[in-house]
Amino acid sequence: MTPIEQLMAKAPVIPVLVIDNVAHAVPIAEALVAGGLPVLEVTLRTAAALDVIRAMKQVPGAIVGAGTVLNPANLDAVLAAGAEFIVSPGLTPKLGEAAVASGIPFLPGTANAGDIMLGLDLGLTRFKFFPAEASGGIAALKAIAAPFGMAKFCPTGGITLATAPQWLALDAVLCVGGSWLVPKGAPDVAAITAAAKAAAALAG
């Protein structure tokens, strides 16, 4: 397996995290890891994101990556913060070439055949399908994935604990991204751990 596929195989759900207070980073990471979800995607949607990545990396068992990586400058910043993988909402030649050159495990966002073909040209075969529900849901991914038997996906966007099993049942899907696991605000550690356990059990 490639490094990104190894990460995608560790749990059925990758938590997608938007955290604006670095003080919340360690409790959230500890709760998710305790619940069986070690691979954590910290999105670059807040000013605290890079510090959150640095803090979460101190949590035993946590594999911390960066999401919402948009360009080579973002890539450089998250590499400096110690990100262990990156996720992007889309794919451009500049970002793709920089990410491949860096050697970091990379999950680029795709929503159509052209995006997938660009990724394949770069030697990439593992993709995020985003935004999953807004892009047409399961029927759309089935249709888009059909010509690309070598490609596997992590659908993200609008997926819930209730709908995740339907996505995970698809041959083209290795895992899903989940933003439902950690609500905004101060973390309720018990609730996050329970949500993580329920998500981890989807591997079932």
C-alpha atoms as a PDB file:
ATOM      1  CA  MET A   1       0.000   0.000   0.000  1.00  0.00           C
ATOM      2  CA  THR A   2       1.091   3.564  -0.610  1.00  0.00           C
ATOM      3  CA  PRO A   3       1.621   5.812   2.435  1.00  0.00           C
ATOM      4  CA  ILE A   4      -1.678   7.647   1.863  1.00  0.00           C
ATOM      5  CA  GLU A   5      -3.544   4.355   1.484  1.00  0.00           C
ATOM      6  CA  GLN A   6      -2.025   3.118   4.743  1.00  0.00           C
ATOM      7  CA  LEU A   7      -3.471   6.170   6.472  1.00  0.00           C
ATOM      8  CA  MET A   8      -6.865   5.702   4.807  1.00  0.00           C
ATOM      9  CA  ALA A   9      -6.930   2.085   6.008  1.00  0.00           C
ATOM     10  CA  LYS A  10      -6.350   2.888   9.678  1.00  0.00           C
ATOM     11  CA  ALA A  11      -9.984   3.775  10.409  1.00  0.00           C
ATOM     12  CA  PRO A  12     -13.228   4.079   8.449  1.00  0.00           C
ATOM     13  CA  VAL A  13     -13.573   7.778   9.286  1.00  0.00           C
ATOM     14  CA  ILE A  14     -11.048  10.613   9.172  1.00  0.00           C
ATOM     15  CA  PRO A  15     -12.251  13.434  11.450  1.00  0.00           C
ATOM     16  CA  VAL A  16     -12.285  16.789   9.648  1.00  0.00           C
ATOM     17  CA  LEU A  17     -11.503  19.405  12.283  1.00  0.00           C
ATOM     18  CA  VAL A  18     -12.094  23.167  12.332  1.00  0.00           C
ATOM     19  CA  ILE A  19     -10.506  24.391  15.571  1.00  0.00           C
ATOM     20  CA  ASP A  20     -10.026  28.055  16.422  1.00  0.00           C
ATOM     21  CA  ASN A  21      -8.663  27.680  19.958  1.00  0.00           C
ATOM     22  CA  VAL A  22      -5.348  25.878  20.357  1.00  0.00           C
ATOM     23  CA  ALA A  23      -6.264  25.061  23.962  1.00  0.00           C
ATOM     24  CA  HIS A  24      -8.881  22.653  22.570  1.00  0.00           C
ATOM     25  CA  ALA A  25      -6.391  20.777  20.392  1.00  0.00           C
ATOM     26  CA  VAL A  26      -4.985  18.215  22.805  1.00  0.00           C
ATOM     27  CA  PRO A  27      -8.291  17.251  24.497  1.00  0.00           C
ATOM     28  CA  ILE A  28      -9.939  16.762  21.095  1.00  0.00           C
ATOM     29  CA  ALA A  29      -7.061  14.693  19.741  1.00  0.00           C
ATOM     30  CA  GLU A  30      -6.901  12.555  22.885  1.00  0.00           C
ATOM     31  CA  ALA A  31     -10.649  11.899  22.725  1.00  0.00           C
ATOM     32  CA  LEU A  32     -10.584  10.936  19.041  1.00  0.00           C
ATOM     33  CA  VAL A  33      -7.581   8.643  19.442  1.00  0.00           C
ATOM     34  CA  ALA A  34      -9.156   7.033  22.529  1.00  0.00           C
ATOM     35  CA  GLY A  35     -12.278   6.401  20.458  1.00  0.00           C
ATOM     36  CA  GLY A  36     -10.306   4.617  17.746  1.00  0.00           C
ATOM     37  CA  LEU A  37      -9.802   7.370  15.168  1.00  0.00           C
ATOM     38  CA  PRO A  38      -6.054   8.133  15.030  1.00  0.00           C
ATOM     39  CA  VAL A  39      -5.867   9.956  11.672  1.00  0.00           C
ATOM     40  CA  LEU A  40      -6.811  13.616  12.211  1.00  0.00           C
ATOM     41  CA  GLU A  41      -7.283  16.261   9.511  1.00  0.00           C
ATOM     42  CA  VAL A  42      -6.847  19.798  10.843  1.00  0.00           C
ATOM     43  CA  THR A  43      -8.251  22.216   8.283  1.00  0.00           C
ATOM     44  CA  LEU A  44      -6.482  25.485   7.534  1.00  0.00           C
ATOM     45  CA  ARG A  45      -9.721  27.391   8.052  1.00  0.00           C
ATOM     46  CA  THR A  46      -8.684  29.150  11.257  1.00  0.00           C
ATOM     47  CA  ALA A  47      -5.771  31.292  12.347  1.00  0.00           C
ATOM     48  CA  ALA A  48      -4.917  28.702  15.003  1.00  0.00           C
ATOM     49  CA  ALA A  49      -4.628  25.755  12.600  1.00  0.00           C
ATOM     50  CA  LEU A  50      -0.831  25.508  12.411  1.00  0.00           C
ATOM     51  CA  ASP A  51      -0.510  25.713  16.193  1.00  0.00           C
ATOM     52  CA  VAL A  52      -3.277  23.108  16.518  1.00  0.00           C
ATOM     53  CA  ILE A  53      -1.285  20.737  14.294  1.00  0.00           C
ATOM     54  CA  ARG A  54       1.831  21.251  16.425  1.00  0.00           C
ATOM     55  CA  ALA A  55      -0.125  20.633  19.636  1.00  0.00           C
ATOM     56  CA  MET A  56      -1.960  17.547  18.397  1.00  0.00           C
ATOM     57  CA  LYS A  57       1.284  15.963  17.243  1.00  0.00           C
ATOM     58  CA  GLN A  58       2.250  15.640  20.911  1.00  0.00           C
ATOM     59  CA  VAL A  59      -0.685  13.275  21.558  1.00  0.00           C
ATOM     60  CA  PRO A  60       0.434   9.616  21.578  1.00  0.00           C
ATOM     61  CA  GLY A  61      -1.100   7.660  18.733  1.00  0.00           C
ATOM     62  CA  ALA A  62      -2.292  10.691  16.787  1.00  0.00           C
ATOM     63  CA  ILE A  63      -1.434  10.965  13.078  1.00  0.00           C
ATOM     64  CA  VAL A  64      -1.975  14.632  12.306  1.00  0.00           C
ATOM     65  CA  GLY A  65      -2.401  16.105   8.861  1.00  0.00           C
ATOM     66  CA  ALA A  66      -3.541  19.356   7.322  1.00  0.00           C
ATOM     67  CA  GLY A  67      -6.669  19.946   5.292  1.00  0.00           C
ATOM     68  CA  THR A  68      -7.712  22.878   3.111  1.00  0.00           C
ATOM     69  CA  VAL A  69      -4.198  23.035   1.642  1.00  0.00           C
ATOM     70  CA  LEU A  70      -4.720  25.281  -1.382  1.00  0.00           C
ATOM     71  CA  ASN A  71      -1.280  26.100  -2.790  1.00  0.00           C
ATOM     72  CA  PRO A  72       2.474  25.524  -2.403  1.00  0.00           C
ATOM     73  CA  ALA A  73       2.727  28.252   0.259  1.00  0.00           C
ATOM     74  CA  ASN A  74       0.161  26.418   2.403  1.00  0.00           C
ATOM     75  CA  LEU A  75       2.109  23.213   1.791  1.00  0.00           C
ATOM     76  CA  ASP A  76       5.345  24.765   3.026  1.00  0.00           C
ATOM     77  CA  ALA A  77       3.617  26.100   6.139  1.00  0.00           C
ATOM     78  CA  VAL A  78       2.055  22.775   7.133  1.00  0.00           C
ATOM     79  CA  LEU A  79       5.280  20.881   6.459  1.00  0.00           C
ATOM     80  CA  ALA A  80       7.044  23.291   8.816  1.00  0.00           C
ATOM     81  CA  ALA A  81       4.320  22.639  11.413  1.00  0.00           C
ATOM     82  CA  GLY A  82       4.952  18.896  11.159  1.00  0.00           C
ATOM     83  CA  ALA A  83       1.883  17.744   9.235  1.00  0.00           C
ATOM     84  CA  GLU A  84       2.123  14.040   8.375  1.00  0.00           C
ATOM     85  CA  PHE A  85      -0.244  14.170   5.395  1.00  0.00           C
ATOM     86  CA  ILE A  86      -2.173  16.804   3.463  1.00  0.00           C
ATOM     87  CA  VAL A  87      -5.686  17.041   2.039  1.00  0.00           C
ATOM     88  CA  SER A  88      -6.899  19.617  -0.476  1.00  0.00           C
ATOM     89  CA  PRO A  89     -10.423  20.560  -1.576  1.00  0.00           C
ATOM     90  CA  GLY A  90      -9.365  20.486  -5.228  1.00  0.00           C
ATOM     91  CA  LEU A  91      -6.313  19.831  -7.390  1.00  0.00           C
ATOM     92  CA  THR A  92      -4.132  22.223  -9.381  1.00  0.00           C
ATOM     93  CA  PRO A  93      -0.938  21.402 -11.273  1.00  0.00           C
ATOM     94  CA  LYS A  94       1.119  23.704  -9.022  1.00  0.00           C
ATOM     95  CA  LEU A  95      -0.102  22.178  -5.761  1.00  0.00           C
ATOM     96  CA  GLY A  96       0.002  18.655  -7.141  1.00  0.00           C
ATOM     97  CA  GLU A  97       3.564  18.960  -8.390  1.00  0.00           C
ATOM     98  CA  ALA A  98       4.751  20.571  -5.141  1.00  0.00           C
ATOM     99  CA  ALA A  99       3.050  17.944  -2.991  1.00  0.00           C
ATOM    100  CA  VAL A 100       4.423  15.041  -5.023  1.00  0.00           C
ATOM    101  CA  ALA A 101       7.913  16.562  -4.932  1.00  0.00           C
ATOM    102  CA  SER A 102       7.719  16.940  -1.150  1.00  0.00           C
ATOM    103  CA  GLY A 103       6.957  13.243  -0.697  1.00  0.00           C
ATOM    104  CA  ILE A 104       4.186  13.875   1.832  1.00  0.00           C
ATOM    105  CA  PRO A 105       1.127  11.595   1.631  1.00  0.00           C
ATOM    106  CA  PHE A 106      -1.425  13.623  -0.344  1.00  0.00           C
ATOM    107  CA  LEU A 107      -5.190  13.265  -0.717  1.00  0.00           C
ATOM    108  CA  PRO A 108      -6.324  15.756  -3.372  1.00  0.00           C
ATOM    109  CA  GLY A 109      -9.924  16.793  -3.740  1.00  0.00           C
ATOM    110  CA  THR A 110     -11.777  15.739  -6.885  1.00  0.00           C
ATOM    111  CA  ALA A 111     -15.356  16.160  -8.055  1.00  0.00           C
ATOM    112  CA  ASN A 112     -15.165  15.199 -11.723  1.00  0.00           C
ATOM    113  CA  ALA A 113     -13.308  13.038 -14.220  1.00  0.00           C
ATOM    114  CA  GLY A 114     -10.952  15.842 -15.232  1.00  0.00           C
ATOM    115  CA  ASP A 115      -9.704  16.227 -11.650  1.00  0.00           C
ATOM    116  CA  ILE A 116      -9.050  12.493 -11.408  1.00  0.00           C
ATOM    117  CA  MET A 117      -7.190  12.469 -14.733  1.00  0.00           C
ATOM    118  CA  LEU A 118      -4.989  15.356 -13.565  1.00  0.00           C
ATOM    119  CA  GLY A 119      -4.210  13.383 -10.412  1.00  0.00           C
ATOM    120  CA  LEU A 120      -3.410  10.248 -12.372  1.00  0.00           C
ATOM    121  CA  ASP A 121      -1.036  12.282 -14.575  1.00  0.00           C
ATOM    122  CA  LEU A 122       0.797  13.216 -11.364  1.00  0.00           C
ATOM    123  CA  GLY A 123       0.982   9.582 -10.252  1.00  0.00           C
ATOM    124  CA  LEU A 124      -1.820   9.917  -7.683  1.00  0.00           C
ATOM    125  CA  THR A 125      -4.525   7.261  -7.315  1.00  0.00           C
ATOM    126  CA  ARG A 126      -6.121   8.117  -3.960  1.00  0.00           C
ATOM    127  CA  PHE A 127      -8.525  11.041  -3.860  1.00  0.00           C
ATOM    128  CA  LYS A 128     -10.988  12.941  -1.721  1.00  0.00           C
ATOM    129  CA  PHE A 129     -14.455  13.154  -3.329  1.00  0.00           C
ATOM    130  CA  PHE A 130     -15.578  16.635  -2.293  1.00  0.00           C
ATOM    131  CA  PRO A 131     -18.117  17.991  -1.595  1.00  0.00           C
ATOM    132  CA  ALA A 132     -19.600  14.519  -1.560  1.00  0.00           C
ATOM    133  CA  GLU A 133     -23.307  15.130  -1.012  1.00  0.00           C
ATOM    134  CA  ALA A 134     -23.441  18.455  -2.871  1.00  0.00           C
ATOM    135  CA  SER A 135     -21.659  16.887  -5.855  1.00  0.00           C
ATOM    136  CA  GLY A 136     -24.410  14.334  -6.360  1.00  0.00           C
ATOM    137  CA  GLY A 137     -23.860  11.848  -3.575  1.00  0.00           C
ATOM    138  CA  ILE A 138     -23.342   8.122  -3.982  1.00  0.00           C
ATOM    139  CA  ALA A 139     -24.819   7.957  -7.480  1.00  0.00           C
ATOM    140  CA  ALA A 140     -22.378  10.604  -8.696  1.00  0.00           C
ATOM    141  CA  LEU A 141     -19.333   8.902  -7.196  1.00  0.00           C
ATOM    142  CA  LYS A 142     -20.355   5.553  -8.681  1.00  0.00           C
ATOM    143  CA  ALA A 143     -20.588   7.143 -12.124  1.00  0.00           C
ATOM    144  CA  ILE A 144     -17.367   9.149 -11.814  1.00  0.00           C
ATOM    145  CA  ALA A 145     -15.347   6.251 -10.375  1.00  0.00           C
ATOM    146  CA  ALA A 146     -16.508   3.705 -12.964  1.00  0.00           C
ATOM    147  CA  PRO A 147     -13.879   4.515 -15.650  1.00  0.00           C
ATOM    148  CA  PHE A 148     -11.080   4.704 -13.067  1.00  0.00           C
ATOM    149  CA  GLY A 149     -10.672   1.264 -11.529  1.00  0.00           C
ATOM    150  CA  MET A 150      -7.256   2.208 -10.152  1.00  0.00           C
ATOM    151  CA  ALA A 151      -8.674   5.125  -8.135  1.00  0.00           C
ATOM    152  CA  LYS A 152     -10.017   4.939  -4.582  1.00  0.00           C
ATOM    153  CA  PHE A 153     -11.763   7.665  -2.642  1.00  0.00           C
ATOM    154  CA  CYS A 154     -12.456   9.295   0.708  1.00  0.00           C
ATOM    155  CA  PRO A 155     -15.830  11.032   0.271  1.00  0.00           C
ATOM    156  CA  THR A 156     -16.109  14.132   2.453  1.00  0.00           C
ATOM    157  CA  GLY A 157     -18.790  16.776   2.842  1.00  0.00           C
ATOM    158  CA  GLY A 158     -22.280  16.299   4.209  1.00  0.00           C
ATOM    159  CA  ILE A 159     -21.709  12.736   5.385  1.00  0.00           C
ATOM    160  CA  THR A 160     -23.108  11.664   8.755  1.00  0.00           C
ATOM    161  CA  LEU A 161     -22.836   8.644  11.030  1.00  0.00           C
ATOM    162  CA  ALA A 162     -26.140   7.451   9.568  1.00  0.00           C
ATOM    163  CA  THR A 163     -25.111   7.773   5.909  1.00  0.00           C
ATOM    164  CA  ALA A 164     -21.455   6.761   6.233  1.00  0.00           C
ATOM    165  CA  PRO A 165     -22.140   2.994   5.956  1.00  0.00           C
ATOM    166  CA  GLN A 166     -23.730   3.484   2.532  1.00  0.00           C
ATOM    167  CA  TRP A 167     -20.595   5.228   1.297  1.00  0.00           C
ATOM    168  CA  LEU A 168     -18.246   2.709   2.921  1.00  0.00           C
ATOM    169  CA  ALA A 169     -20.094  -0.117   1.153  1.00  0.00           C
ATOM    170  CA  LEU A 170     -18.851   1.136  -2.229  1.00  0.00           C
ATOM    171  CA  ASP A 171     -15.863  -0.719  -3.701  1.00  0.00           C
ATOM    172  CA  ALA A 172     -14.245   2.596  -4.652  1.00  0.00           C
ATOM    173  CA  VAL A 173     -14.387   3.972  -1.090  1.00  0.00           C
ATOM    174  CA  LEU A 174     -11.659   3.303   1.487  1.00  0.00           C
ATOM    175  CA  CYS A 175     -12.861   5.706   4.192  1.00  0.00           C
ATOM    176  CA  VAL A 176     -14.964   8.835   4.648  1.00  0.00           C
ATOM    177  CA  GLY A 177     -14.253  12.265   6.065  1.00  0.00           C
ATOM    178  CA  GLY A 178     -16.402  13.290   9.001  1.00  0.00           C
ATOM    179  CA  SER A 179     -16.999  16.764  10.402  1.00  0.00           C
ATOM    180  CA  TRP A 180     -19.837  15.577  12.648  1.00  0.00           C
ATOM    181  CA  LEU A 181     -17.501  14.169  15.307  1.00  0.00           C
ATOM    182  CA  VAL A 182     -16.420  17.426  16.935  1.00  0.00           C
ATOM    183  CA  PRO A 183     -19.002  20.222  17.336  1.00  0.00           C
ATOM    184  CA  LYS A 184     -17.854  23.827  17.578  1.00  0.00           C
ATOM    185  CA  GLY A 185     -16.998  25.296  20.959  1.00  0.00           C
ATOM    186  CA  ALA A 186     -15.318  23.873  24.028  1.00  0.00           C
ATOM    187  CA  PRO A 187     -14.810  20.135  23.591  1.00  0.00           C
ATOM    188  CA  ASP A 188     -17.049  17.661  25.393  1.00  0.00           C
ATOM    189  CA  VAL A 189     -14.431  14.937  25.684  1.00  0.00           C
ATOM    190  CA  ALA A 190     -16.857  12.162  26.659  1.00  0.00           C
ATOM    191  CA  ALA A 191     -19.171  12.976  23.759  1.00  0.00           C
ATOM    192  CA  ILE A 192     -16.293  13.150  21.272  1.00  0.00           C
ATOM    193  CA  THR A 193     -14.902   9.820  22.471  1.00  0.00           C
ATOM    194  CA  ALA A 194     -18.343   8.213  22.161  1.00  0.00           C
ATOM    195  CA  ALA A 195     -18.808   9.643  18.648  1.00  0.00           C
ATOM    196  CA  ALA A 196     -15.364   8.375  17.661  1.00  0.00           C
ATOM    197  CA  LYS A 197     -16.147   4.884  18.968  1.00  0.00           C
ATOM    198  CA  ALA A 198     -19.367   4.796  16.969  1.00  0.00           C
ATOM    199  CA  ALA A 199     -17.501   5.906  13.846  1.00  0.00           C
ATOM    200  CA  ALA A 200     -14.641   3.460  14.369  1.00  0.00           C
ATOM    201  CA  ALA A 201     -17.159   0.632  14.727  1.00  0.00           C
ATOM    202  CA  LEU A 202     -18.313   1.233  11.145  1.00  0.00           C
ATOM    203  CA  ALA A 203     -15.307  -0.836  10.075  1.00  0.00           C
ATOM    204  CA  GLY A 204     -17.249  -3.665  11.495  1.00  0.00           C
END
